[in-house]
N, C-alpha and C. Protein backbone atom coordinates (compact mmCIF):
# COMPACT_ATOMS: atom_id res chain seq x y z
N UNK A 1 0.84 -1.18 0.00
CA UNK A 1 0.00 0.00 0.00
C UNK A 1 0.89 1.24 0.00
N UNK A 2 0.66 2.12 -0.96
CA UNK A 2 1.37 3.38 -1.04
C UNK A 2 0.47 4.48 -0.51
N UNK A 3 0.93 5.16 0.53
CA UNK A 3 0.12 6.25 1.10
C UNK A 3 0.17 7.45 0.18
N UNK A 4 -0.93 8.14 0.14
CA UNK A 4 -1.07 9.32 -0.71
C UNK A 4 -1.15 10.55 0.17
N UNK A 5 -0.38 11.56 -0.14
CA UNK A 5 -0.38 12.82 0.60
C UNK A 5 -0.95 13.93 -0.28
N UNK A 6 -1.62 14.88 0.35
CA UNK A 6 -2.21 16.01 -0.38
C UNK A 6 -1.76 17.32 0.26
N UNK A 7 -1.58 18.34 -0.58
CA UNK A 7 -1.15 19.64 -0.10
C UNK A 7 -2.29 20.66 -0.05
N UNK A 8 -3.43 20.33 -0.69
CA UNK A 8 -4.54 21.28 -0.73
C UNK A 8 -5.85 20.53 -0.97
N UNK A 9 -6.98 21.18 -0.67
CA UNK A 9 -8.28 20.56 -0.96
C UNK A 9 -8.46 20.29 -2.46
N UNK A 10 -7.93 21.18 -3.30
CA UNK A 10 -8.04 20.99 -4.75
C UNK A 10 -7.29 19.74 -5.20
N UNK A 11 -6.13 19.48 -4.60
CA UNK A 11 -5.36 18.28 -4.93
C UNK A 11 -6.13 17.02 -4.54
N UNK A 12 -6.80 17.04 -3.40
CA UNK A 12 -7.64 15.92 -2.98
C UNK A 12 -8.80 15.74 -3.95
N UNK A 13 -9.46 16.84 -4.33
CA UNK A 13 -10.57 16.77 -5.30
C UNK A 13 -10.11 16.18 -6.63
N UNK A 14 -8.94 16.60 -7.10
CA UNK A 14 -8.40 16.07 -8.36
C UNK A 14 -8.12 14.57 -8.26
N UNK A 15 -7.57 14.14 -7.13
CA UNK A 15 -7.28 12.72 -6.93
C UNK A 15 -8.57 11.90 -6.92
N UNK A 16 -9.60 12.40 -6.24
CA UNK A 16 -10.89 11.71 -6.21
C UNK A 16 -11.45 11.55 -7.62
N UNK A 17 -11.38 12.61 -8.41
CA UNK A 17 -11.89 12.57 -9.78
C UNK A 17 -11.08 11.59 -10.63
N UNK A 18 -9.76 11.63 -10.53
CA UNK A 18 -8.89 10.73 -11.29
C UNK A 18 -9.14 9.28 -10.90
N UNK A 19 -9.46 9.04 -9.62
CA UNK A 19 -9.73 7.68 -9.14
C UNK A 19 -11.14 7.21 -9.52
N UNK A 20 -11.92 8.09 -10.17
CA UNK A 20 -13.26 7.72 -10.60
C UNK A 20 -14.30 7.73 -9.48
N UNK A 21 -14.04 8.49 -8.43
CA UNK A 21 -14.96 8.57 -7.31
C UNK A 21 -15.87 9.79 -7.51
N UNK A 22 -17.14 9.53 -7.73
CA UNK A 22 -18.13 10.56 -8.01
C UNK A 22 -18.53 11.25 -6.71
N UNK A 23 -18.28 12.54 -6.62
CA UNK A 23 -18.59 13.29 -5.40
C UNK A 23 -19.81 14.21 -5.58
N UNK A 24 -20.56 14.03 -6.66
CA UNK A 24 -21.70 14.91 -6.94
C UNK A 24 -22.75 14.92 -5.83
N UNK A 25 -22.95 13.81 -5.14
CA UNK A 25 -23.98 13.74 -4.10
C UNK A 25 -23.42 14.03 -2.70
N UNK A 26 -22.14 14.25 -2.60
CA UNK A 26 -21.54 14.54 -1.29
C UNK A 26 -22.06 15.89 -0.79
N UNK A 27 -22.32 15.97 0.52
CA UNK A 27 -22.86 17.19 1.11
C UNK A 27 -24.38 17.25 1.01
N UNK A 28 -25.01 16.18 0.53
CA UNK A 28 -26.46 16.10 0.41
C UNK A 28 -26.97 14.89 1.18
N UNK A 29 -28.23 14.92 1.56
CA UNK A 29 -28.80 13.78 2.28
C UNK A 29 -27.98 13.47 3.53
N UNK A 30 -27.55 12.21 3.64
CA UNK A 30 -26.77 11.81 4.82
C UNK A 30 -25.26 11.85 4.58
N UNK A 31 -24.85 12.33 3.40
CA UNK A 31 -23.42 12.36 3.05
C UNK A 31 -22.74 13.64 3.52
N UNK A 32 -21.49 13.49 3.91
CA UNK A 32 -20.65 14.65 4.23
C UNK A 32 -20.08 15.21 2.93
N UNK A 33 -19.46 16.39 3.01
CA UNK A 33 -18.94 17.08 1.82
C UNK A 33 -17.45 16.82 1.63
N UNK A 34 -16.92 17.23 0.47
CA UNK A 34 -15.48 17.11 0.23
C UNK A 34 -14.71 17.99 1.21
N UNK A 35 -15.28 19.12 1.61
CA UNK A 35 -14.64 19.98 2.61
C UNK A 35 -14.52 19.24 3.95
N UNK A 36 -15.53 18.43 4.29
CA UNK A 36 -15.47 17.63 5.53
C UNK A 36 -14.36 16.59 5.43
N UNK A 37 -14.22 15.95 4.27
CA UNK A 37 -13.16 14.95 4.07
C UNK A 37 -11.79 15.60 4.20
N UNK A 38 -11.62 16.80 3.64
CA UNK A 38 -10.36 17.52 3.76
C UNK A 38 -10.05 17.82 5.24
N UNK A 39 -11.06 18.27 6.00
CA UNK A 39 -10.84 18.56 7.43
C UNK A 39 -10.42 17.30 8.18
N UNK A 40 -11.03 16.15 7.86
CA UNK A 40 -10.65 14.89 8.50
C UNK A 40 -9.21 14.52 8.16
N UNK A 41 -8.82 14.74 6.92
CA UNK A 41 -7.45 14.45 6.50
C UNK A 41 -6.45 15.34 7.25
N UNK A 42 -6.72 16.64 7.29
CA UNK A 42 -5.83 17.59 7.97
C UNK A 42 -5.75 17.29 9.46
N UNK A 43 -6.86 16.85 10.06
CA UNK A 43 -6.89 16.52 11.49
C UNK A 43 -6.20 15.20 11.79
N UNK A 44 -5.78 14.47 10.76
CA UNK A 44 -5.10 13.19 10.97
C UNK A 44 -6.04 12.04 11.23
N UNK A 45 -7.32 12.19 10.85
CA UNK A 45 -8.31 11.14 11.10
C UNK A 45 -8.44 10.15 9.94
N UNK A 46 -7.84 10.46 8.81
CA UNK A 46 -7.87 9.52 7.69
C UNK A 46 -6.63 9.70 6.83
N UNK A 47 -6.26 8.61 6.17
CA UNK A 47 -5.18 8.64 5.20
C UNK A 47 -5.72 8.02 3.92
N UNK A 48 -4.93 8.11 2.87
CA UNK A 48 -5.36 7.62 1.56
C UNK A 48 -4.27 6.79 0.93
N UNK A 49 -4.69 5.91 0.03
CA UNK A 49 -3.75 5.08 -0.71
C UNK A 49 -4.11 5.12 -2.19
N UNK A 50 -3.11 4.86 -3.04
CA UNK A 50 -3.31 4.90 -4.49
C UNK A 50 -3.70 3.57 -5.10
N UNK A 51 -3.21 2.46 -4.57
CA UNK A 51 -3.38 1.19 -5.26
C UNK A 51 -3.92 0.11 -4.34
N UNK A 52 -5.21 -0.17 -4.33
CA UNK A 52 -6.26 0.52 -5.08
C UNK A 52 -6.60 1.85 -4.40
N UNK A 53 -7.20 2.79 -5.14
CA UNK A 53 -7.56 4.07 -4.53
C UNK A 53 -8.54 3.87 -3.39
N UNK A 54 -8.26 4.47 -2.26
CA UNK A 54 -9.17 4.35 -1.13
C UNK A 54 -8.68 5.10 0.08
N UNK A 55 -9.50 5.07 1.09
CA UNK A 55 -9.26 5.76 2.35
C UNK A 55 -8.98 4.71 3.43
N UNK A 56 -8.15 5.06 4.40
CA UNK A 56 -7.90 4.22 5.58
C UNK A 56 -8.34 5.02 6.80
N UNK A 57 -9.22 4.40 7.61
CA UNK A 57 -9.71 5.04 8.83
C UNK A 57 -9.60 4.04 9.97
N UNK A 58 -8.98 4.46 11.06
CA UNK A 58 -8.97 3.64 12.28
C UNK A 58 -9.99 4.25 13.23
N UNK A 59 -10.86 3.39 13.75
CA UNK A 59 -11.98 3.83 14.56
C UNK A 59 -11.99 3.11 15.90
N UNK A 60 -12.25 3.86 16.96
CA UNK A 60 -12.50 3.26 18.27
C UNK A 60 -14.01 3.22 18.44
N UNK A 61 -14.52 2.04 18.82
CA UNK A 61 -15.93 1.88 19.15
C UNK A 61 -16.04 1.49 20.62
N UNK A 62 -17.07 2.02 21.28
CA UNK A 62 -17.30 1.70 22.67
C UNK A 62 -18.64 0.99 22.80
N UNK A 63 -18.61 -0.25 23.23
CA UNK A 63 -19.84 -1.00 23.50
C UNK A 63 -20.10 -0.84 24.99
N UNK A 64 -20.93 0.16 25.32
CA UNK A 64 -21.19 0.51 26.71
C UNK A 64 -22.56 -0.04 27.10
N UNK A 65 -22.57 -0.77 28.20
CA UNK A 65 -23.81 -1.42 28.67
C UNK A 65 -24.28 -0.83 30.00
N UNK A 66 -25.60 -0.92 30.17
CA UNK A 66 -26.24 -0.46 31.41
C UNK A 66 -27.60 -1.13 31.50
N UNK A 67 -27.86 -1.81 32.60
CA UNK A 67 -29.15 -2.48 32.82
C UNK A 67 -29.57 -3.39 31.66
N UNK A 68 -28.63 -4.15 31.12
CA UNK A 68 -28.94 -5.10 30.07
C UNK A 68 -29.12 -4.53 28.68
N UNK A 69 -28.79 -3.25 28.49
CA UNK A 69 -28.92 -2.62 27.17
C UNK A 69 -27.58 -1.99 26.79
N UNK A 70 -27.40 -1.76 25.50
CA UNK A 70 -26.18 -1.13 24.99
C UNK A 70 -26.51 0.28 24.49
N UNK A 71 -25.58 1.21 24.68
CA UNK A 71 -25.75 2.58 24.23
C UNK A 71 -25.55 2.64 22.72
N UNK A 72 -26.48 3.31 22.04
CA UNK A 72 -26.45 3.42 20.58
C UNK A 72 -26.67 4.87 20.18
N UNK A 73 -25.89 5.33 19.22
CA UNK A 73 -26.14 6.63 18.61
C UNK A 73 -27.28 6.42 17.62
N UNK A 74 -28.43 6.97 17.93
CA UNK A 74 -29.62 6.75 17.11
C UNK A 74 -29.60 7.62 15.85
N UNK A 75 -29.15 8.87 15.99
CA UNK A 75 -29.16 9.80 14.85
C UNK A 75 -28.15 10.92 15.09
N UNK A 76 -27.78 11.55 13.97
CA UNK A 76 -26.93 12.75 14.02
C UNK A 76 -27.66 13.87 13.30
N UNK A 77 -27.46 15.08 13.79
CA UNK A 77 -28.03 16.26 13.15
C UNK A 77 -26.89 17.13 12.64
N UNK A 78 -26.88 17.41 11.34
CA UNK A 78 -25.86 18.27 10.74
C UNK A 78 -26.14 19.73 11.11
N UNK A 79 -25.12 20.57 10.97
CA UNK A 79 -25.25 22.00 11.25
C UNK A 79 -26.30 22.65 10.35
N UNK A 80 -26.49 22.11 9.13
CA UNK A 80 -27.46 22.70 8.20
C UNK A 80 -28.87 22.14 8.39
N UNK A 81 -29.08 21.32 9.44
CA UNK A 81 -30.40 20.80 9.75
C UNK A 81 -30.70 19.41 9.22
N UNK A 82 -29.87 18.89 8.31
CA UNK A 82 -30.08 17.52 7.83
C UNK A 82 -29.85 16.55 8.98
N UNK A 83 -30.50 15.40 8.92
CA UNK A 83 -30.27 14.36 9.92
C UNK A 83 -29.96 13.05 9.21
N UNK A 84 -29.27 12.17 9.91
CA UNK A 84 -29.03 10.83 9.40
C UNK A 84 -29.14 9.83 10.53
N UNK A 85 -29.75 8.70 10.21
CA UNK A 85 -29.91 7.61 11.16
C UNK A 85 -28.57 6.90 11.28
N UNK A 86 -28.19 6.51 12.50
CA UNK A 86 -26.90 5.87 12.71
C UNK A 86 -27.02 4.43 13.22
N UNK A 87 -27.63 4.23 14.38
CA UNK A 87 -27.75 2.89 14.97
C UNK A 87 -26.38 2.23 15.18
N UNK A 88 -25.45 2.99 15.75
CA UNK A 88 -24.08 2.52 15.98
C UNK A 88 -23.65 2.84 17.40
N UNK A 89 -22.69 2.07 17.91
CA UNK A 89 -22.17 2.41 19.25
C UNK A 89 -21.35 3.70 19.18
N UNK A 90 -21.11 4.33 20.33
CA UNK A 90 -20.25 5.52 20.34
C UNK A 90 -18.92 5.18 19.65
N UNK A 91 -18.47 6.08 18.79
CA UNK A 91 -17.23 5.82 18.08
C UNK A 91 -16.52 7.13 17.79
N UNK A 92 -15.24 7.00 17.54
CA UNK A 92 -14.39 8.17 17.28
C UNK A 92 -13.27 7.74 16.34
N UNK A 93 -13.01 8.54 15.32
CA UNK A 93 -11.87 8.25 14.45
C UNK A 93 -10.59 8.53 15.22
N UNK A 94 -9.65 7.62 15.12
CA UNK A 94 -8.35 7.82 15.77
C UNK A 94 -7.56 8.84 14.97
N UNK A 95 -6.78 9.64 15.66
CA UNK A 95 -5.91 10.62 15.01
C UNK A 95 -4.51 10.05 14.88
N UNK A 96 -3.76 10.56 13.90
CA UNK A 96 -2.38 10.13 13.68
C UNK A 96 -1.61 10.18 15.00
N UNK A 97 -0.96 9.06 15.36
CA UNK A 97 -0.12 9.01 16.56
C UNK A 97 -0.87 8.74 17.84
N UNK A 98 -2.19 8.63 17.79
CA UNK A 98 -3.00 8.40 18.98
C UNK A 98 -3.17 6.90 19.21
N UNK A 99 -3.11 6.47 20.46
CA UNK A 99 -3.37 5.06 20.76
C UNK A 99 -4.88 4.82 20.82
N UNK A 100 -5.26 3.56 20.73
CA UNK A 100 -6.68 3.22 20.81
C UNK A 100 -7.26 3.65 22.16
N UNK A 101 -6.52 3.46 23.24
CA UNK A 101 -6.98 3.86 24.58
C UNK A 101 -7.18 5.37 24.65
N UNK A 102 -6.24 6.15 24.12
CA UNK A 102 -6.38 7.61 24.12
C UNK A 102 -7.62 8.04 23.33
N UNK A 103 -7.86 7.40 22.19
CA UNK A 103 -9.04 7.72 21.38
C UNK A 103 -10.32 7.33 22.12
N UNK A 104 -10.30 6.22 22.86
CA UNK A 104 -11.47 5.79 23.63
C UNK A 104 -11.82 6.82 24.70
N UNK A 105 -10.82 7.33 25.39
CA UNK A 105 -11.04 8.35 26.42
C UNK A 105 -11.58 9.63 25.76
N UNK A 106 -11.03 10.00 24.60
CA UNK A 106 -11.52 11.18 23.88
C UNK A 106 -12.96 10.97 23.44
N UNK A 107 -13.30 9.75 23.02
CA UNK A 107 -14.68 9.44 22.63
C UNK A 107 -15.63 9.64 23.81
N UNK A 108 -15.26 9.13 24.97
CA UNK A 108 -16.08 9.32 26.16
C UNK A 108 -16.33 10.81 26.42
N UNK A 109 -15.28 11.61 26.30
CA UNK A 109 -15.38 13.04 26.59
C UNK A 109 -16.16 13.79 25.52
N UNK A 110 -15.77 13.62 24.25
CA UNK A 110 -16.38 14.40 23.18
C UNK A 110 -17.79 13.96 22.84
N UNK A 111 -18.03 12.66 22.78
CA UNK A 111 -19.34 12.17 22.35
C UNK A 111 -20.36 12.17 23.48
N UNK A 112 -19.89 11.87 24.73
CA UNK A 112 -20.83 11.64 25.82
C UNK A 112 -20.65 12.57 27.02
N UNK A 113 -19.59 13.37 27.03
CA UNK A 113 -19.35 14.27 28.15
C UNK A 113 -18.94 13.55 29.42
N UNK A 114 -18.35 12.35 29.27
CA UNK A 114 -17.95 11.55 30.43
C UNK A 114 -16.44 11.59 30.63
N UNK A 115 -16.04 11.51 31.89
CA UNK A 115 -14.63 11.35 32.23
C UNK A 115 -14.33 9.89 32.48
N UNK A 116 -13.08 9.57 32.68
CA UNK A 116 -12.69 8.18 32.90
C UNK A 116 -13.27 7.62 34.19
N UNK A 117 -13.61 8.47 35.16
CA UNK A 117 -14.23 7.99 36.40
C UNK A 117 -15.71 7.64 36.20
N UNK A 118 -16.31 8.10 35.09
CA UNK A 118 -17.74 7.89 34.84
C UNK A 118 -18.05 6.59 34.11
N UNK A 119 -17.03 5.97 33.51
CA UNK A 119 -17.26 4.74 32.75
C UNK A 119 -16.07 3.81 32.93
N UNK A 120 -16.36 2.53 32.98
CA UNK A 120 -15.30 1.52 33.08
C UNK A 120 -15.18 0.85 31.72
N UNK A 121 -13.97 0.87 31.16
CA UNK A 121 -13.69 0.21 29.89
C UNK A 121 -12.74 -0.95 30.10
N UNK A 122 -12.91 -2.01 29.33
CA UNK A 122 -11.97 -3.12 29.39
C UNK A 122 -10.56 -2.63 29.06
N UNK A 123 -9.57 -3.36 29.54
CA UNK A 123 -8.17 -2.96 29.36
C UNK A 123 -7.73 -3.03 27.91
N UNK A 124 -8.23 -4.01 27.16
CA UNK A 124 -7.78 -4.19 25.78
C UNK A 124 -8.96 -4.14 24.82
N UNK A 125 -8.67 -3.72 23.62
CA UNK A 125 -9.69 -3.64 22.57
C UNK A 125 -9.63 -4.87 21.69
N UNK A 126 -10.77 -5.24 21.14
CA UNK A 126 -10.82 -6.27 20.11
C UNK A 126 -10.64 -5.55 18.77
N UNK A 127 -9.74 -6.04 17.92
CA UNK A 127 -9.45 -5.38 16.65
C UNK A 127 -10.00 -6.20 15.50
N UNK A 128 -10.76 -5.53 14.63
CA UNK A 128 -11.28 -6.14 13.41
C UNK A 128 -11.05 -5.19 12.25
N UNK A 129 -11.13 -5.72 11.05
CA UNK A 129 -10.85 -4.92 9.85
C UNK A 129 -11.84 -5.27 8.76
N UNK A 130 -12.25 -4.26 7.99
CA UNK A 130 -13.12 -4.52 6.85
C UNK A 130 -12.94 -3.44 5.79
N UNK A 131 -13.20 -3.83 4.54
CA UNK A 131 -13.25 -2.90 3.41
C UNK A 131 -14.71 -2.71 3.07
N UNK A 132 -15.13 -1.47 2.92
CA UNK A 132 -16.49 -1.18 2.48
C UNK A 132 -16.57 0.24 1.96
N UNK A 133 -17.65 0.54 1.29
CA UNK A 133 -17.88 1.91 0.83
C UNK A 133 -18.19 2.77 2.05
N UNK A 134 -17.61 3.94 2.10
CA UNK A 134 -17.84 4.84 3.22
C UNK A 134 -19.30 5.29 3.24
N UNK A 135 -19.99 5.18 4.39
CA UNK A 135 -21.35 5.70 4.46
C UNK A 135 -21.38 7.23 4.45
N UNK A 136 -20.31 7.86 4.89
CA UNK A 136 -20.24 9.32 4.91
C UNK A 136 -19.86 9.90 3.55
N UNK A 137 -19.10 9.13 2.76
CA UNK A 137 -18.61 9.59 1.45
C UNK A 137 -18.94 8.51 0.41
N UNK A 138 -20.19 8.49 -0.09
CA UNK A 138 -20.62 7.43 -1.01
C UNK A 138 -19.66 7.27 -2.19
N UNK A 139 -19.33 6.01 -2.48
CA UNK A 139 -18.45 5.69 -3.59
C UNK A 139 -16.98 5.62 -3.23
N UNK A 140 -16.61 6.06 -2.01
CA UNK A 140 -15.21 6.05 -1.59
C UNK A 140 -14.90 4.73 -0.89
N UNK A 141 -14.11 3.85 -1.52
CA UNK A 141 -13.73 2.60 -0.85
C UNK A 141 -12.89 2.92 0.39
N UNK A 142 -13.23 2.28 1.49
CA UNK A 142 -12.58 2.60 2.76
C UNK A 142 -12.23 1.33 3.51
N UNK A 143 -10.99 1.29 3.98
CA UNK A 143 -10.55 0.20 4.85
C UNK A 143 -10.67 0.69 6.28
N UNK A 144 -11.54 0.03 7.03
CA UNK A 144 -11.77 0.38 8.43
C UNK A 144 -11.04 -0.61 9.33
N UNK A 145 -10.31 -0.09 10.31
CA UNK A 145 -9.73 -0.89 11.36
C UNK A 145 -10.45 -0.44 12.63
N UNK A 146 -11.26 -1.36 13.21
CA UNK A 146 -12.05 -1.06 14.39
C UNK A 146 -11.34 -1.58 15.64
N UNK A 147 -11.23 -0.72 16.64
CA UNK A 147 -10.70 -1.07 17.96
C UNK A 147 -11.90 -0.96 18.90
N UNK A 148 -12.47 -2.10 19.31
CA UNK A 148 -13.71 -2.10 20.08
C UNK A 148 -13.45 -2.42 21.55
N UNK A 149 -13.83 -1.47 22.40
CA UNK A 149 -13.74 -1.64 23.85
C UNK A 149 -15.13 -1.89 24.40
N UNK A 150 -15.25 -2.81 25.34
CA UNK A 150 -16.50 -3.01 26.07
C UNK A 150 -16.40 -2.25 27.39
N UNK A 151 -17.55 -1.81 27.90
CA UNK A 151 -17.53 -1.09 29.16
C UNK A 151 -18.92 -0.92 29.75
N UNK A 152 -18.97 -0.21 30.86
CA UNK A 152 -20.22 0.03 31.58
C UNK A 152 -20.22 1.44 32.14
N UNK A 153 -21.44 1.98 32.34
CA UNK A 153 -21.58 3.28 33.01
C UNK A 153 -22.95 3.38 33.65
N UNK A 154 -23.03 4.19 34.68
CA UNK A 154 -24.30 4.56 35.31
C UNK A 154 -24.49 6.07 35.24
N UNK A 155 -23.65 6.75 34.46
CA UNK A 155 -23.60 8.21 34.48
C UNK A 155 -24.40 8.89 33.36
N UNK A 156 -25.22 8.13 32.63
CA UNK A 156 -26.00 8.71 31.54
C UNK A 156 -27.49 8.53 31.81
N UNK A 157 -28.33 9.38 31.20
CA UNK A 157 -29.78 9.23 31.40
C UNK A 157 -30.28 7.85 30.96
N UNK A 158 -31.34 7.38 31.59
CA UNK A 158 -31.92 6.08 31.24
C UNK A 158 -32.78 6.16 29.97
N UNK A 159 -33.29 7.33 29.63
CA UNK A 159 -34.10 7.48 28.43
C UNK A 159 -33.27 8.14 27.32
N UNK A 160 -33.80 8.17 26.09
CA UNK A 160 -33.09 8.77 24.96
C UNK A 160 -32.73 10.22 25.29
N UNK A 161 -31.54 10.64 24.84
CA UNK A 161 -31.09 12.00 25.13
C UNK A 161 -30.23 12.55 24.00
N UNK A 162 -30.26 13.88 23.87
CA UNK A 162 -29.42 14.59 22.90
C UNK A 162 -28.16 15.07 23.59
N UNK A 163 -27.10 15.11 22.82
CA UNK A 163 -25.84 15.69 23.30
C UNK A 163 -25.33 16.61 22.20
N UNK A 164 -25.12 17.88 22.54
CA UNK A 164 -24.62 18.88 21.59
C UNK A 164 -23.14 18.64 21.35
N UNK A 165 -22.74 18.71 20.10
CA UNK A 165 -21.33 18.54 19.72
C UNK A 165 -20.68 19.91 19.68
N UNK A 166 -19.69 20.14 20.53
CA UNK A 166 -19.01 21.44 20.56
C UNK A 166 -17.60 21.37 19.98
N UNK A 167 -17.32 20.31 19.20
CA UNK A 167 -16.01 20.19 18.55
C UNK A 167 -15.98 21.17 17.38
N UNK A 168 -15.01 22.11 17.35
CA UNK A 168 -14.96 23.10 16.28
C UNK A 168 -14.85 22.44 14.90
N UNK A 169 -15.52 23.02 13.91
CA UNK A 169 -15.47 22.60 12.51
C UNK A 169 -16.08 21.22 12.24
N UNK A 170 -16.70 20.60 13.22
CA UNK A 170 -17.34 19.31 12.97
C UNK A 170 -18.69 19.58 12.32
N UNK A 171 -19.02 18.89 11.23
CA UNK A 171 -20.30 19.14 10.57
C UNK A 171 -21.51 18.65 11.37
N UNK A 172 -21.28 17.78 12.35
CA UNK A 172 -22.37 17.25 13.17
C UNK A 172 -22.56 18.16 14.39
N UNK A 173 -23.76 18.67 14.59
CA UNK A 173 -24.03 19.60 15.68
C UNK A 173 -24.62 18.93 16.93
N UNK A 174 -25.37 17.83 16.75
CA UNK A 174 -25.84 17.13 17.93
C UNK A 174 -26.14 15.68 17.59
N UNK A 175 -26.10 14.87 18.65
CA UNK A 175 -26.28 13.43 18.55
C UNK A 175 -27.46 13.01 19.41
N UNK A 176 -28.24 12.05 18.92
CA UNK A 176 -29.31 11.45 19.71
C UNK A 176 -28.84 10.07 20.16
N UNK A 177 -28.83 9.83 21.47
CA UNK A 177 -28.35 8.60 22.07
C UNK A 177 -29.50 7.87 22.76
N UNK A 178 -29.39 6.56 22.84
CA UNK A 178 -30.39 5.78 23.57
C UNK A 178 -29.88 4.39 23.89
N UNK A 179 -30.49 3.77 24.88
CA UNK A 179 -30.16 2.42 25.29
C UNK A 179 -31.07 1.46 24.54
N UNK A 180 -30.48 0.43 23.93
CA UNK A 180 -31.26 -0.55 23.19
C UNK A 180 -30.84 -1.95 23.61
N UNK A 181 -31.81 -2.81 23.73
CA UNK A 181 -31.55 -4.21 24.07
C UNK A 181 -30.80 -4.85 22.92
N UNK A 182 -29.78 -5.62 23.26
CA UNK A 182 -29.00 -6.33 22.24
C UNK A 182 -29.75 -7.57 21.79
N UNK A 183 -29.72 -7.84 20.50
CA UNK A 183 -30.41 -9.02 19.98
C UNK A 183 -29.43 -10.08 19.52
């Protein structure tokens, strides 16, 4: 795998076009925009490769349980008012040079407003890998490496709740969370 580096958003746009990745629907419906992809790249949350063309993202997922149910992000609301259904556990893209544990702690803080004293996470993560089309960037082949931690908390509401996202430049403004029975 040869990593691809970009010096500008235009260079990234040109690479996407040359790779045959159609970005016409990005920034519409539940898709993020090319500007969002550029911000993720600059923040160290994703890298790219040329052969085959695609994105690499390492993600920390937290499977947090309480009273026999798991915490799930039910939906996200974009800054422009669009919403998208998620049905996923709390997760955070790892940044360049960050360990899975550091990203897990950041996920607790940024996504849920919890400190390390508010939730207990297992010492080690289970690691899995998959290739799939990015749900955020339709048509972009993405290799995901998931670092999944299990844990517990009593520090969150028992009913569905919103959490405002105060991370600067993030296109998502708030998250809807809820406890769901595992099947």
